[in-house]
Amino acid sequence: MSIALTSAQTRFLRGHAHDLKALLQIGGKGVTPAFLAELEEVLERHELIKVKVAAEDRDARDAMIAELTTASGSALVQRIGHVAVLYRPSKEHRQIVLPRG
């Protein structure tokens, strides 16, 4: 269950993500159950996060990012090089209010 964002919402989230530091990093082991558990916790707490993907080729990075968004139910806001910006609204404490349309 991924989230569909409009172009205005994507622009809004990209602006918020600009000053963020990468909170998580995927290493050589790839996407593990422990990493997915940590991703769930961080998304619930922050809603908008940057993840650094340390894969050599572009296809491997794309596959890892697709796996992350699918497993966490988040939306890919932006991807630049090795860094992906993910968004998922918190179930308990929503902090980011998206613009309509």
PDB file of N, CA and C in Angstrom:
ATOM      1  N   MET A   1       0.833  -1.176   0.000  1.00  0.00           N
ATOM      2  CA  MET A   1       0.000   0.000   0.000  1.00  0.00           C
ATOM      3  C   MET A   1       0.883   1.247   0.000  1.00  0.00           C
ATOM      4  N   SER A   2       1.197   1.735  -1.166  1.00  0.00           N
ATOM      5  CA  SER A   2       1.996   2.947  -1.264  1.00  0.00           C
ATOM      6  C   SER A   2       1.088   4.157  -1.271  1.00  0.00           C
ATOM      7  N   ILE A   3       1.669   5.287  -0.982  1.00  0.00           N
ATOM      8  CA  ILE A   3       0.932   6.535  -0.916  1.00  0.00           C
ATOM      9  C   ILE A   3       1.087   7.255  -2.247  1.00  0.00           C
ATOM     10  N   ALA A   4      -0.005   7.755  -2.796  1.00  0.00           N
ATOM     11  CA  ALA A   4       0.052   8.534  -4.026  1.00  0.00           C
ATOM     12  C   ALA A   4       0.102  10.013  -3.659  1.00  0.00           C
ATOM     13  N   LEU A   5       1.111  10.703  -4.155  1.00  0.00           N
ATOM     14  CA  LEU A   5       1.269  12.124  -3.884  1.00  0.00           C
ATOM     15  C   LEU A   5       1.045  12.925  -5.156  1.00  0.00           C
ATOM     16  N   THR A   6       0.426  14.088  -5.017  1.00  0.00           N
ATOM     17  CA  THR A   6       0.283  14.981  -6.154  1.00  0.00           C
ATOM     18  C   THR A   6       1.607  15.709  -6.370  1.00  0.00           C
ATOM     19  N   SER A   7       1.742  16.383  -7.483  1.00  0.00           N
ATOM     20  CA  SER A   7       2.993  17.102  -7.750  1.00  0.00           C
ATOM     21  C   SER A   7       3.195  18.242  -6.749  1.00  0.00           C
ATOM     22  N   ALA A   8       2.115  18.893  -6.315  1.00  0.00           N
ATOM     23  CA  ALA A   8       2.233  19.962  -5.316  1.00  0.00           C
ATOM     24  C   ALA A   8       2.703  19.404  -3.978  1.00  0.00           C
ATOM     25  N   GLN A   9       2.187  18.241  -3.595  1.00  0.00           N
ATOM     26  CA  GLN A   9       2.603  17.616  -2.340  1.00  0.00           C
ATOM     27  C   GLN A   9       4.057  17.166  -2.415  1.00  0.00           C
ATOM     28  N   THR A  10       4.464  16.654  -3.559  1.00  0.00           N
ATOM     29  CA  THR A  10       5.849  16.226  -3.743  1.00  0.00           C
ATOM     30  C   THR A  10       6.787  17.421  -3.631  1.00  0.00           C
ATOM     31  N   ARG A  11       6.440  18.535  -4.263  1.00  0.00           N
ATOM     32  CA  ARG A  11       7.246  19.763  -4.166  1.00  0.00           C
ATOM     33  C   ARG A  11       7.352  20.231  -2.719  1.00  0.00           C
ATOM     34  N   PHE A  12       6.227  20.209  -2.021  1.00  0.00           N
ATOM     35  CA  PHE A  12       6.180  20.622  -0.615  1.00  0.00           C
ATOM     36  C   PHE A  12       7.117  19.749   0.229  1.00  0.00           C
ATOM     37  N   LEU A  13       7.056  18.439   0.051  1.00  0.00           N
ATOM     38  CA  LEU A  13       7.891  17.513   0.821  1.00  0.00           C
ATOM     39  C   LEU A  13       9.369  17.637   0.448  1.00  0.00           C
ATOM     40  N   ARG A  14       9.666  17.860  -0.833  1.00  0.00           N
ATOM     41  CA  ARG A  14      11.057  18.057  -1.245  1.00  0.00           C
ATOM     42  C   ARG A  14      11.650  19.281  -0.551  1.00  0.00           C
ATOM     43  N   GLY A  15      10.857  20.332  -0.423  1.00  0.00           N
ATOM     44  CA  GLY A  15      11.306  21.533   0.270  1.00  0.00           C
ATOM     45  C   GLY A  15      11.606  21.262   1.734  1.00  0.00           C
ATOM     46  N   HIS A  16      10.745  20.470   2.385  1.00  0.00           N
ATOM     47  CA  HIS A  16      10.967  20.117   3.793  1.00  0.00           C
ATOM     48  C   HIS A  16      12.180  19.207   3.965  1.00  0.00           C
ATOM     49  N   ALA A  17      12.438  18.357   2.975  1.00  0.00           N
ATOM     50  CA  ALA A  17      13.517  17.369   3.089  1.00  0.00           C
ATOM     51  C   ALA A  17      14.886  17.970   2.794  1.00  0.00           C
ATOM     52  N   HIS A  18      14.919  19.153   2.226  1.00  0.00           N
ATOM     53  CA  HIS A  18      16.182  19.728   1.770  1.00  0.00           C
ATOM     54  C   HIS A  18      17.250  19.772   2.866  1.00  0.00           C
ATOM     55  N   ASP A  19      16.887  20.194   4.069  1.00  0.00           N
ATOM     56  CA  ASP A  19      17.862  20.353   5.150  1.00  0.00           C
ATOM     57  C   ASP A  19      18.058  19.105   6.005  1.00  0.00           C
ATOM     58  N   LEU A  20      17.354  18.026   5.697  1.00  0.00           N
ATOM     59  CA  LEU A  20      17.469  16.807   6.506  1.00  0.00           C
ATOM     60  C   LEU A  20      18.783  16.077   6.230  1.00  0.00           C
ATOM     61  N   LYS A  21      19.270  15.392   7.241  1.00  0.00           N
ATOM     62  CA  LYS A  21      20.414  14.487   7.095  1.00  0.00           C
ATOM     63  C   LYS A  21      19.868  13.069   6.926  1.00  0.00           C
ATOM     64  N   ALA A  22      20.638  12.211   6.285  1.00  0.00           N
ATOM     65  CA  ALA A  22      20.226  10.817   6.117  1.00  0.00           C
ATOM     66  C   ALA A  22      20.193  10.137   7.482  1.00  0.00           C
ATOM     67  N   LEU A  23      19.029   9.602   7.854  1.00  0.00           N
ATOM     68  CA  LEU A  23      18.885   8.951   9.151  1.00  0.00           C
ATOM     69  C   LEU A  23      19.246   7.473   9.102  1.00  0.00           C
ATOM     70  N   LEU A  24      19.103   6.864   7.937  1.00  0.00           N
ATOM     71  CA  LEU A  24      19.400   5.439   7.793  1.00  0.00           C
ATOM     72  C   LEU A  24      20.323   5.234   6.598  1.00  0.00           C
ATOM     73  N   GLN A  25      21.074   4.145   6.651  1.00  0.00           N
ATOM     74  CA  GLN A  25      21.954   3.805   5.542  1.00  0.00           C
ATOM     75  C   GLN A  25      21.907   2.301   5.315  1.00  0.00           C
ATOM     76  N   ILE A  26      21.710   1.909   4.070  1.00  0.00           N
ATOM     77  CA  ILE A  26      21.722   0.500   3.697  1.00  0.00           C
ATOM     78  C   ILE A  26      23.128   0.157   3.257  1.00  0.00           C
ATOM     79  N   GLY A  27      23.677  -0.887   3.842  1.00  0.00           N
ATOM     80  CA  GLY A  27      25.038  -1.297   3.505  1.00  0.00           C
ATOM     81  C   GLY A  27      25.055  -2.458   2.531  1.00  0.00           C
ATOM     82  N   GLY A  28      26.123  -3.222   2.591  1.00  0.00           N
ATOM     83  CA  GLY A  28      26.320  -4.340   1.674  1.00  0.00           C
ATOM     84  C   GLY A  28      25.359  -5.491   1.873  1.00  0.00           C
ATOM     85  N   LYS A  29      24.758  -5.588   3.070  1.00  0.00           N
ATOM     86  CA  LYS A  29      23.834  -6.692   3.346  1.00  0.00           C
ATOM     87  C   LYS A  29      22.485  -6.490   2.669  1.00  0.00           C
ATOM     88  N   GLY A  30      22.228  -5.295   2.209  1.00  0.00           N
ATOM     89  CA  GLY A  30      20.966  -5.014   1.535  1.00  0.00           C
ATOM     90  C   GLY A  30      19.835  -4.794   2.527  1.00  0.00           C
ATOM     91  N   VAL A  31      18.627  -5.051   2.064  1.00  0.00           N
ATOM     92  CA  VAL A  31      17.440  -4.834   2.891  1.00  0.00           C
ATOM     93  C   VAL A  31      17.200  -6.070   3.752  1.00  0.00           C
ATOM     94  N   THR A  32      17.421  -5.930   5.051  1.00  0.00           N
ATOM     95  CA  THR A  32      17.241  -7.036   5.989  1.00  0.00           C
ATOM     96  C   THR A  32      15.999  -6.783   6.838  1.00  0.00           C
ATOM     97  N   PRO A  33      15.459  -7.809   7.496  1.00  0.00           N
ATOM     98  CA  PRO A  33      14.321  -7.599   8.398  1.00  0.00           C
ATOM     99  C   PRO A  33      14.628  -6.600   9.510  1.00  0.00           C
ATOM    100  N   ALA A  34      15.864  -6.603  10.009  1.00  0.00           N
ATOM    101  CA  ALA A  34      16.245  -5.646  11.055  1.00  0.00           C
ATOM    102  C   ALA A  34      16.220  -4.222  10.508  1.00  0.00           C
ATOM    103  N   PHE A  35      16.677  -4.038   9.277  1.00  0.00           N
ATOM    104  CA  PHE A  35      16.655  -2.708   8.671  1.00  0.00           C
ATOM    105  C   PHE A  35      15.217  -2.243   8.464  1.00  0.00           C
ATOM    106  N   LEU A  36      14.340  -3.143   8.015  1.00  0.00           N
ATOM    107  CA  LEU A  36      12.933  -2.781   7.799  1.00  0.00           C
ATOM    108  C   LEU A  36      12.257  -2.409   9.115  1.00  0.00           C
ATOM    109  N   ALA A  37      12.607  -3.090  10.204  1.00  0.00           N
ATOM    110  CA  ALA A  37      12.038  -2.757  11.516  1.00  0.00           C
ATOM    111  C   ALA A  37      12.489  -1.362  11.943  1.00  0.00           C
ATOM    112  N   GLU A  38      13.759  -1.056  11.720  1.00  0.00           N
ATOM    113  CA  GLU A  38      14.281   0.275  12.042  1.00  0.00           C
ATOM    114  C   GLU A  38      13.623   1.346  11.170  1.00  0.00           C
ATOM    115  N   LEU A  39      13.424   1.027   9.886  1.00  0.00           N
ATOM    116  CA  LEU A  39      12.764   1.954   8.959  1.00  0.00           C
ATOM    117  C   LEU A  39      11.350   2.272   9.429  1.00  0.00           C
ATOM    118  N   GLU A  40      10.616   1.243   9.856  1.00  0.00           N
ATOM    119  CA  GLU A  40       9.247   1.448  10.372  1.00  0.00           C
ATOM    120  C   GLU A  40       9.247   2.418  11.549  1.00  0.00           C
ATOM    121  N   GLU A  41      10.171   2.194  12.475  1.00  0.00           N
ATOM    122  CA  GLU A  41      10.246   3.026  13.673  1.00  0.00           C
ATOM    123  C   GLU A  41      10.595   4.481  13.328  1.00  0.00           C
ATOM    124  N   VAL A  42      11.565   4.654  12.454  1.00  0.00           N
ATOM    125  CA  VAL A  42      11.996   6.011  12.086  1.00  0.00           C
ATOM    126  C   VAL A  42      10.905   6.735  11.294  1.00  0.00           C
ATOM    127  N   LEU A  43      10.234   6.037  10.388  1.00  0.00           N
ATOM    128  CA  LEU A  43       9.135   6.668   9.630  1.00  0.00           C
ATOM    129  C   LEU A  43       7.995   7.070  10.550  1.00  0.00           C
ATOM    130  N   GLU A  44       7.686   6.242  11.526  1.00  0.00           N
ATOM    131  CA  GLU A  44       6.609   6.562  12.465  1.00  0.00           C
ATOM    132  C   GLU A  44       6.955   7.812  13.274  1.00  0.00           C
ATOM    133  N   ARG A  45       8.223   7.951  13.625  1.00  0.00           N
ATOM    134  CA  ARG A  45       8.648   9.076  14.444  1.00  0.00           C
ATOM    135  C   ARG A  45       8.811  10.367  13.636  1.00  0.00           C
ATOM    136  N   HIS A  46       9.377  10.273  12.416  1.00  0.00           N
ATOM    137  CA  HIS A  46       9.742  11.475  11.658  1.00  0.00           C
ATOM    138  C   HIS A  46       8.858  11.759  10.441  1.00  0.00           C
ATOM    139  N   GLU A  47       8.205  10.766   9.879  1.00  0.00           N
ATOM    140  CA  GLU A  47       7.350  10.862   8.691  1.00  0.00           C
ATOM    141  C   GLU A  47       8.123  11.111   7.395  1.00  0.00           C
ATOM    142  N   LEU A  48       9.074  12.016   7.406  1.00  0.00           N
ATOM    143  CA  LEU A  48       9.855  12.356   6.215  1.00  0.00           C
ATOM    144  C   LEU A  48      11.326  12.107   6.528  1.00  0.00           C
ATOM    145  N   ILE A  49      11.943  11.177   5.795  1.00  0.00           N
ATOM    146  CA  ILE A  49      13.332  10.804   6.104  1.00  0.00           C
ATOM    147  C   ILE A  49      14.152  10.651   4.830  1.00  0.00           C
ATOM    148  N   LYS A  50      15.457  10.732   5.013  1.00  0.00           N
ATOM    149  CA  LYS A  50      16.393  10.428   3.939  1.00  0.00           C
ATOM    150  C   LYS A  50      17.081   9.115   4.267  1.00  0.00           C
ATOM    151  N   VAL A  51      17.228   8.276   3.241  1.00  0.00           N
ATOM    152  CA  VAL A  51      17.915   6.996   3.388  1.00  0.00           C
ATOM    153  C   VAL A  51      19.050   6.963   2.369  1.00  0.00           C
ATOM    154  N   LYS A  52      20.254   6.653   2.834  1.00  0.00           N
ATOM    155  CA  LYS A  52      21.397   6.545   1.940  1.00  0.00           C
ATOM    156  C   LYS A  52      21.546   5.084   1.515  1.00  0.00           C
ATOM    157  N   VAL A  53      21.574   4.856   0.221  1.00  0.00           N
ATOM    158  CA  VAL A  53      21.647   3.502  -0.326  1.00  0.00           C
ATOM    159  C   VAL A  53      23.039   3.291  -0.914  1.00  0.00           C
ATOM    160  N   ALA A  54      23.816   2.424  -0.286  1.00  0.00           N
ATOM    161  CA  ALA A  54      25.206   2.209  -0.703  1.00  0.00           C
ATOM    162  C   ALA A  54      25.320   1.006  -1.627  1.00  0.00           C
ATOM    163  N   ALA A  55      24.684   1.085  -2.778  1.00  0.00           N
ATOM    164  CA  ALA A  55      24.813   0.034  -3.795  1.00  0.00           C
ATOM    165  C   ALA A  55      25.620   0.615  -4.952  1.00  0.00           C
ATOM    166  N   GLU A  56      26.401  -0.236  -5.599  1.00  0.00           N
ATOM    167  CA  GLU A  56      27.299   0.252  -6.643  1.00  0.00           C
ATOM    168  C   GLU A  56      26.570   0.741  -7.887  1.00  0.00           C
ATOM    169  N   ASP A  57      25.706  -0.085  -8.464  1.00  0.00           N
ATOM    170  CA  ASP A  57      25.081   0.325  -9.719  1.00  0.00           C
ATOM    171  C   ASP A  57      23.661   0.848  -9.514  1.00  0.00           C
ATOM    172  N   ARG A  58      23.221   1.610 -10.463  1.00  0.00           N
ATOM    173  CA  ARG A  58      21.937   2.301 -10.403  1.00  0.00           C
ATOM    174  C   ARG A  58      20.760   1.323 -10.291  1.00  0.00           C
ATOM    175  N   ASP A  59      20.827   0.226 -11.017  1.00  0.00           N
ATOM    176  CA  ASP A  59      19.728  -0.751 -10.982  1.00  0.00           C
ATOM    177  C   ASP A  59      19.566  -1.360  -9.598  1.00  0.00           C
ATOM    178  N   ALA A  60      20.684  -1.662  -8.935  1.00  0.00           N
ATOM    179  CA  ALA A  60      20.627  -2.226  -7.579  1.00  0.00           C
ATOM    180  C   ALA A  60      20.030  -1.213  -6.608  1.00  0.00           C
ATOM    181  N   ARG A  61      20.410   0.074  -6.743  1.00  0.00           N
ATOM    182  CA  ARG A  61      19.838   1.126  -5.886  1.00  0.00           C
ATOM    183  C   ARG A  61      18.340   1.255  -6.124  1.00  0.00           C
ATOM    184  N   ASP A  62      17.941   1.258  -7.393  1.00  0.00           N
ATOM    185  CA  ASP A  62      16.514   1.360  -7.720  1.00  0.00           C
ATOM    186  C   ASP A  62      15.723   0.201  -7.127  1.00  0.00           C
ATOM    187  N   ALA A  63      16.289  -1.007  -7.205  1.00  0.00           N
ATOM    188  CA  ALA A  63      15.609  -2.191  -6.664  1.00  0.00           C
ATOM    189  C   ALA A  63      15.472  -2.087  -5.148  1.00  0.00           C
ATOM    190  N   MET A  64      16.532  -1.638  -4.464  1.00  0.00           N
ATOM    191  CA  MET A  64      16.473  -1.493  -3.002  1.00  0.00           C
ATOM    192  C   MET A  64      15.449  -0.430  -2.599  1.00  0.00           C
ATOM    193  N   ILE A  65      15.445   0.687  -3.299  1.00  0.00           N
ATOM    194  CA  ILE A  65      14.505   1.768  -2.974  1.00  0.00           C
ATOM    195  C   ILE A  65      13.069   1.305  -3.209  1.00  0.00           C
ATOM    196  N   ALA A  66      12.832   0.583  -4.299  1.00  0.00           N
ATOM    197  CA  ALA A  66      11.495   0.053  -4.577  1.00  0.00           C
ATOM    198  C   ALA A  66      11.069  -0.924  -3.485  1.00  0.00           C
ATOM    199  N   GLU A  67      12.001  -1.754  -3.026  1.00  0.00           N
ATOM    200  CA  GLU A  67      11.707  -2.709  -1.951  1.00  0.00           C
ATOM    201  C   GLU A  67      11.370  -1.981  -0.648  1.00  0.00           C
ATOM    202  N   LEU A  68      12.108  -0.903  -0.360  1.00  0.00           N
ATOM    203  CA  LEU A  68      11.849  -0.122   0.853  1.00  0.00           C
ATOM    204  C   LEU A  68      10.462   0.521   0.824  1.00  0.00           C
ATOM    205  N   THR A  69      10.115   1.141  -0.291  1.00  0.00           N
ATOM    206  CA  THR A  69       8.815   1.820  -0.364  1.00  0.00           C
ATOM    207  C   THR A  69       7.674   0.815  -0.290  1.00  0.00           C
ATOM    208  N   THR A  70       7.830  -0.328  -0.922  1.00  0.00           N
ATOM    209  CA  THR A  70       6.787  -1.355  -0.888  1.00  0.00           C
ATOM    210  C   THR A  70       6.635  -1.942   0.511  1.00  0.00           C
ATOM    211  N   ALA A  71       7.748  -2.297   1.135  1.00  0.00           N
ATOM    212  CA  ALA A  71       7.714  -2.939   2.453  1.00  0.00           C
ATOM    213  C   ALA A  71       7.197  -2.001   3.542  1.00  0.00           C
ATOM    214  N   SER A  72       7.513  -0.713   3.422  1.00  0.00           N
ATOM    215  CA  SER A  72       7.119   0.232   4.470  1.00  0.00           C
ATOM    216  C   SER A  72       5.805   0.949   4.178  1.00  0.00           C
ATOM    217  N   GLY A  73       5.301   0.823   2.954  1.00  0.00           N
ATOM    218  CA  GLY A  73       4.076   1.534   2.590  1.00  0.00           C
ATOM    219  C   GLY A  73       4.290   3.032   2.481  1.00  0.00           C
ATOM    220  N   SER A  74       5.510   3.417   2.142  1.00  0.00           N
ATOM    221  CA  SER A  74       5.837   4.839   2.052  1.00  0.00           C
ATOM    222  C   SER A  74       5.871   5.281   0.596  1.00  0.00           C
ATOM    223  N   ALA A  75       5.992   6.586   0.406  1.00  0.00           N
ATOM    224  CA  ALA A  75       6.092   7.152  -0.937  1.00  0.00           C
ATOM    225  C   ALA A  75       7.501   7.653  -1.165  1.00  0.00           C
ATOM    226  N   LEU A  76       8.009   7.434  -2.376  1.00  0.00           N
ATOM    227  CA  LEU A  76       9.310   7.977  -2.752  1.00  0.00           C
ATOM    228  C   LEU A  76       9.083   9.412  -3.204  1.00  0.00           C
ATOM    229  N   VAL A  77       9.618  10.341  -2.441  1.00  0.00           N
ATOM    230  CA  VAL A  77       9.445  11.763  -2.743  1.00  0.00           C
ATOM    231  C   VAL A  77      10.482  12.215  -3.758  1.00  0.00           C
ATOM    232  N   GLN A  78      11.729  11.782  -3.541  1.00  0.00           N
ATOM    233  CA  GLN A  78      12.819  12.225  -4.394  1.00  0.00           C
ATOM    234  C   GLN A  78      13.968  11.246  -4.275  1.00  0.00           C
ATOM    235  N   ARG A  79      14.738  11.150  -5.343  1.00  0.00           N
ATOM    236  CA  ARG A  79      15.936  10.316  -5.318  1.00  0.00           C
ATOM    237  C   ARG A  79      17.037  11.056  -6.057  1.00  0.00           C
ATOM    238  N   ILE A  80      18.124  11.310  -5.339  1.00  0.00           N
ATOM    239  CA  ILE A  80      19.275  11.961  -5.958  1.00  0.00           C
ATOM    240  C   ILE A  80      20.500  11.120  -5.633  1.00  0.00           C
ATOM    241  N   GLY A  81      21.079  10.530  -6.651  1.00  0.00           N
ATOM    242  CA  GLY A  81      22.272   9.699  -6.454  1.00  0.00           C
ATOM    243  C   GLY A  81      22.005   8.546  -5.513  1.00  0.00           C
ATOM    244  N   HIS A  82      22.721   8.519  -4.396  1.00  0.00           N
ATOM    245  CA  HIS A  82      22.595   7.430  -3.431  1.00  0.00           C
ATOM    246  C   HIS A  82      21.562   7.713  -2.355  1.00  0.00           C
ATOM    247  N   VAL A  83      20.900   8.865  -2.396  1.00  0.00           N
ATOM    248  CA  VAL A  83      19.984   9.260  -1.324  1.00  0.00           C
ATOM    249  C   VAL A  83      18.536   9.269  -1.817  1.00  0.00           C
ATOM    250  N   ALA A  84      17.673   8.602  -1.042  1.00  0.00           N
ATOM    251  CA  ALA A  84      16.242   8.583  -1.341  1.00  0.00           C
ATOM    252  C   ALA A  84      15.497   9.265  -0.205  1.00  0.00           C
ATOM    253  N   VAL A  85      14.475  10.044  -0.556  1.00  0.00           N
ATOM    254  CA  VAL A  85      13.635  10.701   0.439  1.00  0.00           C
ATOM    255  C   VAL A  85      12.308   9.953   0.469  1.00  0.00           C
ATOM    256  N   LEU A  86      11.935   9.451   1.652  1.00  0.00           N
ATOM    257  CA  LEU A  86      10.702   8.679   1.822  1.00  0.00           C
ATOM    258  C   LEU A  86       9.746   9.424   2.741  1.00  0.00           C
ATOM    259  N   TYR A  87       8.441   9.285   2.451  1.00  0.00           N
ATOM    260  CA  TYR A  87       7.419   9.915   3.286  1.00  0.00           C
ATOM    261  C   TYR A  87       6.319   8.904   3.582  1.00  0.00           C
ATOM    262  N   ARG A  88       5.919   8.877   4.835  1.00  0.00           N
ATOM    263  CA  ARG A  88       4.731   8.116   5.237  1.00  0.00           C
ATOM    264  C   ARG A  88       4.155   8.810   6.462  1.00  0.00           C
ATOM    265  N   PRO A  89       2.867   9.185   6.414  1.00  0.00           N
ATOM    266  CA  PRO A  89       2.276   9.855   7.581  1.00  0.00           C
ATOM    267  C   PRO A  89       2.262   8.933   8.795  1.00  0.00           C
ATOM    268  N   SER A  90       2.488   9.509   9.955  1.00  0.00           N
ATOM    269  CA  SER A  90       2.495   8.767  11.206  1.00  0.00           C
ATOM    270  C   SER A  90       1.081   8.307  11.545  1.00  0.00           C
ATOM    271  N   LYS A  91       0.968   7.125  12.122  1.00  0.00           N
ATOM    272  CA  LYS A  91      -0.345   6.620  12.534  1.00  0.00           C
ATOM    273  C   LYS A  91      -0.821   7.310  13.809  1.00  0.00           C
ATOM    274  N   GLU A  92       0.106   7.678  14.672  1.00  0.00           N
ATOM    275  CA  GLU A  92      -0.232   8.238  15.982  1.00  0.00           C
ATOM    276  C   GLU A  92      -0.139   9.760  16.029  1.00  0.00           C
ATOM    277  N   HIS A  93       0.999  10.303  15.609  1.00  0.00           N
ATOM    278  CA  HIS A  93       1.271  11.737  15.791  1.00  0.00           C
ATOM    279  C   HIS A  93       1.672  12.376  14.474  1.00  0.00           C
ATOM    280  N   ARG A  94       0.685  12.827  13.700  1.00  0.00           N
ATOM    281  CA  ARG A  94       1.006  13.456  12.420  1.00  0.00           C
ATOM    282  C   ARG A  94       1.595  14.831  12.661  1.00  0.00           C
ATOM    283  N   GLN A  95       2.729  15.074  12.024  1.00  0.00           N
ATOM    284  CA  GLN A  95       3.417  16.352  12.180  1.00  0.00           C
ATOM    285  C   GLN A  95       3.351  17.180  10.902  1.00  0.00           C
ATOM    286  N   ILE A  96       3.380  16.515   9.764  1.00  0.00           N
ATOM    287  CA  ILE A  96       3.415  17.209   8.482  1.00  0.00           C
ATOM    288  C   ILE A  96       2.005  17.239   7.894  1.00  0.00           C
ATOM    289  N   VAL A  97       1.531  18.428   7.591  1.00  0.00           N
ATOM    290  CA  VAL A  97       0.224  18.592   6.957  1.00  0.00           C
ATOM    291  C   VAL A  97       0.462  18.906   5.492  1.00  0.00           C
ATOM    292  N   LEU A  98       0.024  17.999   4.635  1.00  0.00           N
ATOM    293  CA  LEU A  98       0.252  18.161   3.194  1.00  0.00           C
ATOM    294  C   LEU A  98      -0.740  19.160   2.601  1.00  0.00           C
ATOM    295  N   PRO A  99      -0.302  19.925   1.600  1.00  0.00           N
ATOM    296  CA  PRO A  99      -1.246  20.807   0.905  1.00  0.00           C
ATOM    297  C   PRO A  99      -2.220  19.978   0.084  1.00  0.00           C
ATOM    298  N   ARG A 100      -3.387  20.491  -0.167  1.00  0.00           N
ATOM    299  CA  ARG A 100      -4.357  19.772  -0.994  1.00  0.00           C
ATOM    300  C   ARG A 100      -3.989  19.941  -2.470  1.00  0.00           C
ATOM    301  N   GLY A 101      -4.424  18.934  -3.236  1.00  0.00           N
ATOM    302  CA  GLY A 101      -4.275  19.024  -4.692  1.00  0.00           C
ATOM    303  C   GLY A 101      -2.904  18.993  -5.124  1.00  0.00           C
TER     304      GLY A 101
END
